[in-house]
Amino acid sequence: MKDTLVVITREGMGSAEPALQKKLVGTWLTLLLQGKELPGAICFYTDGVKLAVEGSPVLEQLAKLEERGVHLILCKTCLEFFGLAEKVRVGIVGGMGDILAAQSIARKVLPL
């Protein structure tokens, strides 16, 4: 699964109430950590960047994924748009070029 890229563009999973979306993404990340196979990278853009900043309910899971070698790539333009650039707690801040590069080397792109 190292050749898989996960793309997160929302502050959660699905299109339900925000609290349910956050709960679902938290559960997904927790279960991902429990498995043996991890994706090579996770890209966050648009509202997805909000998961990697101060106050996010999934910072612990994301930090553990990063410790286990998963590259977390955050969209700089999105962070600046939301005024969150100074609140990043996990991952690397990159541009759309970094996200495109990650997509181009992935054998599978999994949108959440």
PDB file of N, CA and C in Angstrom:
ATOM      1  N   MET A   1       0.825  -1.197   0.000  1.00  0.00           N
ATOM      2  CA  MET A   1       0.000   0.000   0.000  1.00  0.00           C
ATOM      3  C   MET A   1       0.869   1.261   0.000  1.00  0.00           C
ATOM      4  N   LYS A   2       2.179   1.099   0.096  1.00  0.00           N
ATOM      5  CA  LYS A   2       3.085   2.255   0.104  1.00  0.00           C
ATOM      6  C   LYS A   2       2.972   3.088  -1.168  1.00  0.00           C
ATOM      7  N   ASP A   3       2.461   2.480  -2.244  1.00  0.00           N
ATOM      8  CA  ASP A   3       2.317   3.214  -3.498  1.00  0.00           C
ATOM      9  C   ASP A   3       0.933   3.860  -3.620  1.00  0.00           C
ATOM     10  N   THR A   4       0.200   3.904  -2.499  1.00  0.00           N
ATOM     11  CA  THR A   4      -1.126   4.520  -2.462  1.00  0.00           C
ATOM     12  C   THR A   4      -1.046   5.917  -1.855  1.00  0.00           C
ATOM     13  N   LEU A   5      -1.765   6.831  -2.463  1.00  0.00           N
ATOM     14  CA  LEU A   5      -1.889   8.204  -1.971  1.00  0.00           C
ATOM     15  C   LEU A   5      -3.332   8.417  -1.549  1.00  0.00           C
ATOM     16  N   VAL A   6      -3.535   8.868  -0.324  1.00  0.00           N
ATOM     17  CA  VAL A   6      -4.864   9.220   0.159  1.00  0.00           C
ATOM     18  C   VAL A   6      -5.010  10.729   0.033  1.00  0.00           C
ATOM     19  N   VAL A   7      -6.147  11.164  -0.484  1.00  0.00           N
ATOM     20  CA  VAL A   7      -6.423  12.592  -0.660  1.00  0.00           C
ATOM     21  C   VAL A   7      -7.597  12.968   0.240  1.00  0.00           C
ATOM     22  N   ILE A   8      -7.354  13.922   1.124  1.00  0.00           N
ATOM     23  CA  ILE A   8      -8.402  14.372   2.035  1.00  0.00           C
ATOM     24  C   ILE A   8      -8.713  15.837   1.730  1.00  0.00           C
ATOM     25  N   THR A   9      -9.945  16.094   1.318  1.00  0.00           N
ATOM     26  CA  THR A   9     -10.354  17.452   0.947  1.00  0.00           C
ATOM     27  C   THR A   9     -11.453  18.011   1.839  1.00  0.00           C
ATOM     28  N   ARG A  10     -11.819  17.255   2.863  1.00  0.00           N
ATOM     29  CA  ARG A  10     -12.860  17.699   3.786  1.00  0.00           C
ATOM     30  C   ARG A  10     -12.318  17.642   5.203  1.00  0.00           C
ATOM     31  N   GLU A  11     -13.041  18.258   6.099  1.00  0.00           N
ATOM     32  CA  GLU A  11     -12.643  18.243   7.507  1.00  0.00           C
ATOM     33  C   GLU A  11     -13.179  16.982   8.193  1.00  0.00           C
ATOM     34  N   GLY A  12     -13.536  16.015   7.402  1.00  0.00           N
ATOM     35  CA  GLY A  12     -14.050  14.750   7.899  1.00  0.00           C
ATOM     36  C   GLY A  12     -14.308  13.831   6.730  1.00  0.00           C
ATOM     37  N   MET A  13     -15.198  12.871   6.929  1.00  0.00           N
ATOM     38  CA  MET A  13     -15.540  11.900   5.891  1.00  0.00           C
ATOM     39  C   MET A  13     -17.024  11.967   5.585  1.00  0.00           C
ATOM     40  N   GLY A  14     -17.355  11.935   4.324  1.00  0.00           N
ATOM     41  CA  GLY A  14     -18.747  11.924   3.916  1.00  0.00           C
ATOM     42  C   GLY A  14     -19.353  13.309   3.869  1.00  0.00           C
ATOM     43  N   SER A  15     -20.673  13.333   3.752  1.00  0.00           N
ATOM     44  CA  SER A  15     -21.370  14.612   3.649  1.00  0.00           C
ATOM     45  C   SER A  15     -22.475  14.732   4.694  1.00  0.00           C
ATOM     46  N   ALA A  16     -22.222  14.174   5.852  1.00  0.00           N
ATOM     47  CA  ALA A  16     -23.186  14.219   6.960  1.00  0.00           C
ATOM     48  C   ALA A  16     -22.915  15.442   7.832  1.00  0.00           C
ATOM     49  N   GLU A  17     -23.504  15.459   9.010  1.00  0.00           N
ATOM     50  CA  GLU A  17     -23.253  16.518   9.986  1.00  0.00           C
ATOM     51  C   GLU A  17     -21.751  16.596  10.267  1.00  0.00           C
ATOM     52  N   PRO A  18     -21.200  17.790  10.485  1.00  0.00           N
ATOM     53  CA  PRO A  18     -19.756  17.918  10.730  1.00  0.00           C
ATOM     54  C   PRO A  18     -19.231  17.028  11.857  1.00  0.00           C
ATOM     55  N   ALA A  19     -19.979  16.877  12.934  1.00  0.00           N
ATOM     56  CA  ALA A  19     -19.512  16.042  14.047  1.00  0.00           C
ATOM     57  C   ALA A  19     -19.370  14.580  13.605  1.00  0.00           C
ATOM     58  N   LEU A  20     -20.295  14.102  12.798  1.00  0.00           N
ATOM     59  CA  LEU A  20     -20.229  12.729  12.297  1.00  0.00           C
ATOM     60  C   LEU A  20     -19.070  12.578  11.306  1.00  0.00           C
ATOM     61  N   GLN A  21     -18.869  13.567  10.464  1.00  0.00           N
ATOM     62  CA  GLN A  21     -17.754  13.524   9.515  1.00  0.00           C
ATOM     63  C   GLN A  21     -16.424  13.386  10.246  1.00  0.00           C
ATOM     64  N   LYS A  22     -16.240  14.167  11.301  1.00  0.00           N
ATOM     65  CA  LYS A  22     -14.994  14.121  12.082  1.00  0.00           C
ATOM     66  C   LYS A  22     -14.846  12.785  12.805  1.00  0.00           C
ATOM     67  N   LYS A  23     -15.954  12.276  13.331  1.00  0.00           N
ATOM     68  CA  LYS A  23     -15.910  10.983  14.010  1.00  0.00           C
ATOM     69  C   LYS A  23     -15.504   9.885  13.032  1.00  0.00           C
ATOM     70  N   LEU A  24     -16.072   9.909  11.839  1.00  0.00           N
ATOM     71  CA  LEU A  24     -15.762   8.895  10.836  1.00  0.00           C
ATOM     72  C   LEU A  24     -14.297   8.939  10.407  1.00  0.00           C
ATOM     73  N   VAL A  25     -13.764  10.131  10.160  1.00  0.00           N
ATOM     74  CA  VAL A  25     -12.361  10.207   9.738  1.00  0.00           C
ATOM     75  C   VAL A  25     -11.445   9.776  10.879  1.00  0.00           C
ATOM     76  N   GLY A  26     -11.821  10.079  12.109  1.00  0.00           N
ATOM     77  CA  GLY A  26     -11.040   9.635  13.261  1.00  0.00           C
ATOM     78  C   GLY A  26     -11.014   8.119  13.360  1.00  0.00           C
ATOM     79  N   THR A  27     -12.159   7.495  13.159  1.00  0.00           N
ATOM     80  CA  THR A  27     -12.241   6.035  13.182  1.00  0.00           C
ATOM     81  C   THR A  27     -11.426   5.434  12.044  1.00  0.00           C
ATOM     82  N   TRP A  28     -11.536   6.008  10.851  1.00  0.00           N
ATOM     83  CA  TRP A  28     -10.791   5.514   9.691  1.00  0.00           C
ATOM     84  C   TRP A  28      -9.288   5.579   9.943  1.00  0.00           C
ATOM     85  N   LEU A  29      -8.820   6.706  10.468  1.00  0.00           N
ATOM     86  CA  LEU A  29      -7.383   6.861  10.738  1.00  0.00           C
ATOM     87  C   LEU A  29      -6.912   5.894  11.826  1.00  0.00           C
ATOM     88  N   THR A  30      -7.727   5.695  12.851  1.00  0.00           N
ATOM     89  CA  THR A  30      -7.382   4.761  13.925  1.00  0.00           C
ATOM     90  C   THR A  30      -7.265   3.339  13.389  1.00  0.00           C
ATOM     91  N   LEU A  31      -8.221   2.926  12.575  1.00  0.00           N
ATOM     92  CA  LEU A  31      -8.182   1.588  11.987  1.00  0.00           C
ATOM     93  C   LEU A  31      -7.018   1.440  11.011  1.00  0.00           C
ATOM     94  N   LEU A  32      -6.717   2.490  10.280  1.00  0.00           N
ATOM     95  CA  LEU A  32      -5.570   2.480   9.379  1.00  0.00           C
ATOM     96  C   LEU A  32      -4.290   2.211  10.163  1.00  0.00           C
ATOM     97  N   LEU A  33      -4.144   2.877  11.300  1.00  0.00           N
ATOM     98  CA  LEU A  33      -2.965   2.686  12.151  1.00  0.00           C
ATOM     99  C   LEU A  33      -2.868   1.258  12.694  1.00  0.00           C
ATOM    100  N   GLN A  34      -3.982   0.616  12.896  1.00  0.00           N
ATOM    101  CA  GLN A  34      -3.987  -0.740  13.431  1.00  0.00           C
ATOM    102  C   GLN A  34      -3.599  -1.783  12.391  1.00  0.00           C
ATOM    103  N   GLY A  35      -3.696  -1.412  11.123  1.00  0.00           N
ATOM    104  CA  GLY A  35      -3.338  -2.345  10.055  1.00  0.00           C
ATOM    105  C   GLY A  35      -1.838  -2.396   9.839  1.00  0.00           C
ATOM    106  N   LYS A  36      -1.410  -3.364   9.053  1.00  0.00           N
ATOM    107  CA  LYS A  36       0.011  -3.526   8.757  1.00  0.00           C
ATOM    108  C   LYS A  36       0.452  -2.643   7.607  1.00  0.00           C
ATOM    109  N   GLU A  37      -0.431  -2.385   6.670  1.00  0.00           N
ATOM    110  CA  GLU A  37      -0.107  -1.620   5.468  1.00  0.00           C
ATOM    111  C   GLU A  37      -0.566  -0.173   5.617  1.00  0.00           C
ATOM    112  N   LEU A  38       0.341   0.739   5.318  1.00  0.00           N
ATOM    113  CA  LEU A  38       0.016   2.167   5.378  1.00  0.00           C
ATOM    114  C   LEU A  38       0.237   2.793   4.008  1.00  0.00           C
ATOM    115  N   PRO A  39      -0.495   3.857   3.703  1.00  0.00           N
ATOM    116  CA  PRO A  39      -0.243   4.543   2.431  1.00  0.00           C
ATOM    117  C   PRO A  39       1.112   5.251   2.475  1.00  0.00           C
ATOM    118  N   GLY A  40       1.634   5.544   1.313  1.00  0.00           N
ATOM    119  CA  GLY A  40       2.902   6.274   1.251  1.00  0.00           C
ATOM    120  C   GLY A  40       2.739   7.728   1.645  1.00  0.00           C
ATOM    121  N   ALA A  41       1.578   8.301   1.318  1.00  0.00           N
ATOM    122  CA  ALA A  41       1.357   9.719   1.608  1.00  0.00           C
ATOM    123  C   ALA A  41      -0.137  10.005   1.755  1.00  0.00           C
ATOM    124  N   ILE A  42      -0.411  11.087   2.462  1.00  0.00           N
ATOM    125  CA  ILE A  42      -1.761  11.634   2.553  1.00  0.00           C
ATOM    126  C   ILE A  42      -1.643  13.112   2.209  1.00  0.00           C
ATOM    127  N   CYS A  43      -2.418  13.553   1.233  1.00  0.00           N
ATOM    128  CA  CYS A  43      -2.439  14.966   0.839  1.00  0.00           C
ATOM    129  C   CYS A  43      -3.707  15.617   1.382  1.00  0.00           C
ATOM    130  N   PHE A  44      -3.537  16.796   1.931  1.00  0.00           N
ATOM    131  CA  PHE A  44      -4.652  17.563   2.491  1.00  0.00           C
ATOM    132  C   PHE A  44      -4.780  18.871   1.728  1.00  0.00           C
ATOM    133  N   TYR A  45      -5.942  19.120   1.162  1.00  0.00           N
ATOM    134  CA  TYR A  45      -6.194  20.438   0.588  1.00  0.00           C
ATOM    135  C   TYR A  45      -7.652  20.817   0.777  1.00  0.00           C
ATOM    136  N   THR A  46      -7.994  22.023   0.417  1.00  0.00           N
ATOM    137  CA  THR A  46      -9.254  22.689   0.765  1.00  0.00           C
ATOM    138  C   THR A  46      -9.513  22.487   2.259  1.00  0.00           C
ATOM    139  N   ASP A  47     -10.734  22.125   2.655  1.00  0.00           N
ATOM    140  CA  ASP A  47     -11.040  21.994   4.084  1.00  0.00           C
ATOM    141  C   ASP A  47     -10.245  20.895   4.775  1.00  0.00           C
ATOM    142  N   GLY A  48      -9.667  19.994   4.025  1.00  0.00           N
ATOM    143  CA  GLY A  48      -8.886  18.907   4.606  1.00  0.00           C
ATOM    144  C   GLY A  48      -7.716  19.378   5.445  1.00  0.00           C
ATOM    145  N   VAL A  49      -7.145  20.543   5.111  1.00  0.00           N
ATOM    146  CA  VAL A  49      -5.999  21.045   5.880  1.00  0.00           C
ATOM    147  C   VAL A  49      -6.358  21.297   7.338  1.00  0.00           C
ATOM    148  N   LYS A  50      -7.626  21.496   7.619  1.00  0.00           N
ATOM    149  CA  LYS A  50      -8.057  21.785   8.992  1.00  0.00           C
ATOM    150  C   LYS A  50      -7.830  20.596   9.928  1.00  0.00           C
ATOM    151  N   LEU A  51      -7.627  19.417   9.356  1.00  0.00           N
ATOM    152  CA  LEU A  51      -7.375  18.235  10.182  1.00  0.00           C
ATOM    153  C   LEU A  51      -5.951  18.191  10.720  1.00  0.00           C
ATOM    154  N   ALA A  52      -5.051  18.967  10.133  1.00  0.00           N
ATOM    155  CA  ALA A  52      -3.629  18.904  10.513  1.00  0.00           C
ATOM    156  C   ALA A  52      -3.175  20.102  11.339  1.00  0.00           C
ATOM    157  N   VAL A  53      -4.128  20.859  11.851  1.00  0.00           N
ATOM    158  CA  VAL A  53      -3.774  22.067  12.601  1.00  0.00           C
ATOM    159  C   VAL A  53      -4.240  21.969  14.054  1.00  0.00           C
ATOM    160  N   GLU A  54      -3.724  22.887  14.836  1.00  0.00           N
ATOM    161  CA  GLU A  54      -4.077  22.999  16.252  1.00  0.00           C
ATOM    162  C   GLU A  54      -5.589  22.883  16.436  1.00  0.00           C
ATOM    163  N   GLY A  55      -5.988  22.047  17.390  1.00  0.00           N
ATOM    164  CA  GLY A  55      -7.409  21.891  17.693  1.00  0.00           C
ATOM    165  C   GLY A  55      -8.093  20.754  16.951  1.00  0.00           C
ATOM    166  N   SER A  56      -7.408  20.130  16.003  1.00  0.00           N
ATOM    167  CA  SER A  56      -8.003  19.031  15.248  1.00  0.00           C
ATOM    168  C   SER A  56      -8.185  17.809  16.155  1.00  0.00           C
ATOM    169  N   PRO A  57      -9.314  17.118  16.025  1.00  0.00           N
ATOM    170  CA  PRO A  57      -9.534  15.927  16.846  1.00  0.00           C
ATOM    171  C   PRO A  57      -8.724  14.704  16.401  1.00  0.00           C
ATOM    172  N   VAL A  58      -8.006  14.808  15.280  1.00  0.00           N
ATOM    173  CA  VAL A  58      -7.261  13.647  14.779  1.00  0.00           C
ATOM    174  C   VAL A  58      -5.752  13.885  14.739  1.00  0.00           C
ATOM    175  N   LEU A  59      -5.277  14.875  15.462  1.00  0.00           N
ATOM    176  CA  LEU A  59      -3.834  15.165  15.461  1.00  0.00           C
ATOM    177  C   LEU A  59      -3.012  13.978  15.962  1.00  0.00           C
ATOM    178  N   GLU A  60      -3.493  13.298  16.966  1.00  0.00           N
ATOM    179  CA  GLU A  60      -2.744  12.168  17.518  1.00  0.00           C
ATOM    180  C   GLU A  60      -2.558  11.068  16.473  1.00  0.00           C
ATOM    181  N   GLN A  61      -3.633  10.721  15.777  1.00  0.00           N
ATOM    182  CA  GLN A  61      -3.544   9.686  14.743  1.00  0.00           C
ATOM    183  C   GLN A  61      -2.607  10.125  13.614  1.00  0.00           C
ATOM    184  N   LEU A  62      -2.720  11.390  13.206  1.00  0.00           N
ATOM    185  CA  LEU A  62      -1.866  11.875  12.120  1.00  0.00           C
ATOM    186  C   LEU A  62      -0.400  11.889  12.534  1.00  0.00           C
ATOM    187  N   ALA A  63      -0.118  12.271  13.770  1.00  0.00           N
ATOM    188  CA  ALA A  63       1.262  12.276  14.257  1.00  0.00           C
ATOM    189  C   ALA A  63       1.827  10.853  14.265  1.00  0.00           C
ATOM    190  N   LYS A  64       1.019   9.882  14.648  1.00  0.00           N
ATOM    191  CA  LYS A  64       1.467   8.489  14.652  1.00  0.00           C
ATOM    192  C   LYS A  64       1.725   7.987  13.237  1.00  0.00           C
ATOM    193  N   LEU A  65       0.872   8.370  12.299  1.00  0.00           N
ATOM    194  CA  LEU A  65       1.092   7.991  10.903  1.00  0.00           C
ATOM    195  C   LEU A  65       2.404   8.580  10.389  1.00  0.00           C
ATOM    196  N   GLU A  66       2.637   9.838  10.737  1.00  0.00           N
ATOM    197  CA  GLU A  66       3.868  10.503  10.314  1.00  0.00           C
ATOM    198  C   GLU A  66       5.089   9.803  10.916  1.00  0.00           C
ATOM    199  N   GLU A  67       4.999   9.422  12.186  1.00  0.00           N
ATOM    200  CA  GLU A  67       6.088   8.695  12.850  1.00  0.00           C
ATOM    201  C   GLU A  67       6.373   7.360  12.168  1.00  0.00           C
ATOM    202  N   ARG A  68       5.346   6.769  11.591  1.00  0.00           N
ATOM    203  CA  ARG A  68       5.498   5.474  10.923  1.00  0.00           C
ATOM    204  C   ARG A  68       5.855   5.616   9.446  1.00  0.00           C
ATOM    205  N   GLY A  69       6.194   6.838   9.030  1.00  0.00           N
ATOM    206  CA  GLY A  69       6.715   7.039   7.682  1.00  0.00           C
ATOM    207  C   GLY A  69       5.740   7.515   6.630  1.00  0.00           C
ATOM    208  N   VAL A  70       4.503   7.793   6.993  1.00  0.00           N
ATOM    209  CA  VAL A  70       3.541   8.301   6.021  1.00  0.00           C
ATOM    210  C   VAL A  70       3.800   9.801   5.831  1.00  0.00           C
ATOM    211  N   HIS A  71       3.974  10.219   4.589  1.00  0.00           N
ATOM    212  CA  HIS A  71       4.198  11.633   4.292  1.00  0.00           C
ATOM    213  C   HIS A  71       2.858  12.367   4.311  1.00  0.00           C
ATOM    214  N   LEU A  72       2.771  13.408   5.114  1.00  0.00           N
ATOM    215  CA  LEU A  72       1.569  14.237   5.191  1.00  0.00           C
ATOM    216  C   LEU A  72       1.887  15.546   4.492  1.00  0.00           C
ATOM    217  N   ILE A  73       1.186  15.837   3.407  1.00  0.00           N
ATOM    218  CA  ILE A  73       1.462  17.022   2.594  1.00  0.00           C
ATOM    219  C   ILE A  73       0.265  17.954   2.677  1.00  0.00           C
ATOM    220  N   LEU A  74       0.514  19.178   3.143  1.00  0.00           N
ATOM    221  CA  LEU A  74      -0.557  20.161   3.339  1.00  0.00           C
ATOM    222  C   LEU A  74      -0.445  21.268   2.300  1.00  0.00           C
ATOM    223  N   CYS A  75      -1.561  21.676   1.748  1.00  0.00           N
ATOM    224  CA  CYS A  75      -1.604  22.744   0.752  1.00  0.00           C
ATOM    225  C   CYS A  75      -1.374  24.110   1.413  1.00  0.00           C
ATOM    226  N   LYS A  76      -0.282  24.750   1.028  1.00  0.00           N
ATOM    227  CA  LYS A  76       0.075  26.057   1.577  1.00  0.00           C
ATOM    228  C   LYS A  76      -0.986  27.109   1.256  1.00  0.00           C
ATOM    229  N   THR A  77      -1.462  27.120   0.019  1.00  0.00           N
ATOM    230  CA  THR A  77      -2.469  28.100  -0.391  1.00  0.00           C
ATOM    231  C   THR A  77      -3.729  27.970   0.453  1.00  0.00           C
ATOM    232  N   CYS A  78      -4.136  26.738   0.722  1.00  0.00           N
ATOM    233  CA  CYS A  78      -5.341  26.488   1.526  1.00  0.00           C
ATOM    234  C   CYS A  78      -5.141  26.937   2.963  1.00  0.00           C
ATOM    235  N   LEU A  79      -3.975  26.611   3.535  1.00  0.00           N
ATOM    236  CA  LEU A  79      -3.676  27.040   4.907  1.00  0.00           C
ATOM    237  C   LEU A  79      -3.700  28.561   5.020  1.00  0.00           C
ATOM    238  N   GLU A  80      -3.104  29.236   4.061  1.00  0.00           N
ATOM    239  CA  GLU A  80      -3.087  30.702   4.081  1.00  0.00           C
ATOM    240  C   GLU A  80      -4.489  31.268   3.893  1.00  0.00           C
ATOM    241  N   PHE A  81      -5.276  30.662   3.007  1.00  0.00           N
ATOM    242  CA  PHE A  81      -6.638  31.122   2.763  1.00  0.00           C
ATOM    243  C   PHE A  81      -7.467  31.087   4.040  1.00  0.00           C
ATOM    244  N   PHE A  82      -7.315  30.013   4.822  1.00  0.00           N
ATOM    245  CA  PHE A  82      -8.075  29.866   6.063  1.00  0.00           C
ATOM    246  C   PHE A  82      -7.391  30.519   7.262  1.00  0.00           C
ATOM    247  N   GLY A  83      -6.219  31.136   7.065  1.00  0.00           N
ATOM    248  CA  GLY A  83      -5.494  31.763   8.169  1.00  0.00           C
ATOM    249  C   GLY A  83      -4.941  30.751   9.161  1.00  0.00           C
ATOM    250  N   LEU A  84      -4.544  29.582   8.669  1.00  0.00           N
ATOM    251  CA  LEU A  84      -4.097  28.498   9.540  1.00  0.00           C
ATOM    252  C   LEU A  84      -2.612  28.158   9.415  1.00  0.00           C
ATOM    253  N   ALA A  85      -1.877  28.912   8.631  1.00  0.00           N
ATOM    254  CA  ALA A  85      -0.468  28.576   8.372  1.00  0.00           C
ATOM    255  C   ALA A  85       0.353  28.475   9.657  1.00  0.00           C
ATOM    256  N   GLU A  86       0.043  29.281  10.633  1.00  0.00           N
ATOM    257  CA  GLU A  86       0.802  29.285  11.886  1.00  0.00           C
ATOM    258  C   GLU A  86       0.324  28.207  12.867  1.00  0.00           C
ATOM    259  N   LYS A  87      -0.735  27.503  12.526  1.00  0.00           N
ATOM    260  CA  LYS A  87      -1.316  26.521  13.447  1.00  0.00           C
ATOM    261  C   LYS A  87      -1.050  25.076  13.040  1.00  0.00           C
ATOM    262  N   VAL A  88      -0.212  24.871  12.028  1.00  0.00           N
ATOM    263  CA  VAL A  88       0.097  23.522  11.561  1.00  0.00           C
ATOM    264  C   VAL A  88       0.827  22.754  12.662  1.00  0.00           C
ATOM    265  N   ARG A  89       0.383  21.526  12.930  1.00  0.00           N
ATOM    266  CA  ARG A  89       0.994  20.708  13.975  1.00  0.00           C
ATOM    267  C   ARG A  89       1.597  19.404  13.444  1.00  0.00           C
ATOM    268  N   VAL A  90       1.200  18.987  12.265  1.00  0.00           N
ATOM    269  CA  VAL A  90       1.769  17.783  11.649  1.00  0.00           C
ATOM    270  C   VAL A  90       1.935  18.012  10.161  1.00  0.00           C
ATOM    271  N   GLY A  91       2.813  17.230   9.552  1.00  0.00           N
ATOM    272  CA  GLY A  91       2.974  17.276   8.108  1.00  0.00           C
ATOM    273  C   GLY A  91       3.916  18.360   7.631  1.00  0.00           C
ATOM    274  N   ILE A  92       4.067  18.415   6.316  1.00  0.00           N
ATOM    275  CA  ILE A  92       4.880  19.443   5.685  1.00  0.00           C
ATOM    276  C   ILE A  92       3.970  20.337   4.858  1.00  0.00           C
ATOM    277  N   VAL A  93       4.289  21.595   4.841  1.00  0.00           N
ATOM    278  CA  VAL A  93       3.520  22.551   4.056  1.00  0.00           C
ATOM    279  C   VAL A  93       4.145  22.599   2.668  1.00  0.00           C
ATOM    280  N   GLY A  94       3.350  22.302   1.675  1.00  0.00           N
ATOM    281  CA  GLY A  94       3.825  22.300   0.298  1.00  0.00           C
ATOM    282  C   GLY A  94       2.847  23.020  -0.597  1.00  0.00           C
ATOM    283  N   GLY A  95       3.180  23.056  -1.839  1.00  0.00           N
ATOM    284  CA  GLY A  95       2.301  23.687  -2.811  1.00  0.00           C
ATOM    285  C   GLY A  95       1.551  22.649  -3.625  1.00  0.00           C
ATOM    286  N   MET A  96       0.765  23.120  -4.550  1.00  0.00           N
ATOM    287  CA  MET A  96       0.017  22.213  -5.411  1.00  0.00           C
ATOM    288  C   MET A  96       0.983  21.360  -6.233  1.00  0.00           C
ATOM    289  N   GLY A  97       2.163  21.884  -6.511  1.00  0.00           N
ATOM    290  CA  GLY A  97       3.171  21.099  -7.226  1.00  0.00           C
ATOM    291  C   GLY A  97       3.586  19.864  -6.443  1.00  0.00           C
ATOM    292  N   ASP A  98       3.696  19.999  -5.119  1.00  0.00           N
ATOM    293  CA  ASP A  98       4.047  18.856  -4.266  1.00  0.00           C
ATOM    294  C   ASP A  98       2.930  17.815  -4.268  1.00  0.00           C
ATOM    295  N   ILE A  99       1.700  18.287  -4.253  1.00  0.00           N
ATOM    296  CA  ILE A  99       0.556  17.382  -4.284  1.00  0.00           C
ATOM    297  C   ILE A  99       0.496  16.674  -5.634  1.00  0.00           C
ATOM    298  N   LEU A 100       0.713  17.415  -6.708  1.00  0.00           N
ATOM    299  CA  LEU A 100       0.722  16.831  -8.044  1.00  0.00           C
ATOM    300  C   LEU A 100       1.838  15.794  -8.174  1.00  0.00           C
ATOM    301  N   ALA A 101       3.000  16.090  -7.623  1.00  0.00           N
ATOM    302  CA  ALA A 101       4.122  15.145  -7.672  1.00  0.00           C
ATOM    303  C   ALA A 101       3.769  13.851  -6.935  1.00  0.00           C
ATOM    304  N   ALA A 102       3.142  13.979  -5.778  1.00  0.00           N
ATOM    305  CA  ALA A 102       2.736  12.791  -5.017  1.00  0.00           C
ATOM    306  C   ALA A 102       1.706  11.983  -5.802  1.00  0.00           C
ATOM    307  N   GLN A 103       0.790  12.665  -6.473  1.00  0.00           N
ATOM    308  CA  GLN A 103      -0.220  11.971  -7.269  1.00  0.00           C
ATOM    309  C   GLN A 103       0.410  11.253  -8.457  1.00  0.00           C
ATOM    310  N   SER A 104       1.415  11.870  -9.041  1.00  0.00           N
ATOM    311  CA  SER A 104       1.998  11.293 -10.253  1.00  0.00           C
ATOM    312  C   SER A 104       2.809  10.032  -9.971  1.00  0.00           C
ATOM    313  N   ILE A 105       3.354   9.884  -8.775  1.00  0.00           N
ATOM    314  CA  ILE A 105       4.140   8.683  -8.478  1.00  0.00           C
ATOM    315  C   ILE A 105       3.303   7.579  -7.820  1.00  0.00           C
ATOM    316  N   ALA A 106       2.096   7.927  -7.399  1.00  0.00           N
ATOM    317  CA  ALA A 106       1.225   6.933  -6.756  1.00  0.00           C
ATOM    318  C   ALA A 106       0.632   5.999  -7.801  1.00  0.00           C
ATOM    319  N   ARG A 107       0.566   4.745  -7.449  1.00  0.00           N
ATOM    320  CA  ARG A 107      -0.084   3.778  -8.342  1.00  0.00           C
ATOM    321  C   ARG A 107      -1.601   3.818  -8.141  1.00  0.00           C
ATOM    322  N   LYS A 108      -2.008   4.224  -6.931  1.00  0.00           N
ATOM    323  CA  LYS A 108      -3.435   4.321  -6.625  1.00  0.00           C
ATOM    324  C   LYS A 108      -3.661   5.594  -5.818  1.00  0.00           C
ATOM    325  N   VAL A 109      -4.702   6.366  -6.188  1.00  0.00           N
ATOM    326  CA  VAL A 109      -5.096   7.553  -5.454  1.00  0.00           C
ATOM    327  C   VAL A 109      -6.468   7.268  -4.842  1.00  0.00           C
ATOM    328  N   LEU A 110      -6.533   7.380  -3.517  1.00  0.00           N
ATOM    329  CA  LEU A 110      -7.756   7.076  -2.785  1.00  0.00           C
ATOM    330  C   LEU A 110      -8.330   8.355  -2.190  1.00  0.00           C
ATOM    331  N   PRO A 111      -9.409   8.893  -2.776  1.00  0.00           N
ATOM    332  CA  PRO A 111     -10.013  10.100  -2.203  1.00  0.00           C
ATOM    333  C   PRO A 111     -10.900   9.734  -1.012  1.00  0.00           C
ATOM    334  N   LEU A 112     -10.850  10.548   0.048  1.00  0.00           N
ATOM    335  CA  LEU A 112     -11.744  10.333   1.195  1.00  0.00           C
ATOM    336  C   LEU A 112     -12.816  11.378   1.207  1.00  0.00           C
TER     337      LEU A 112
END
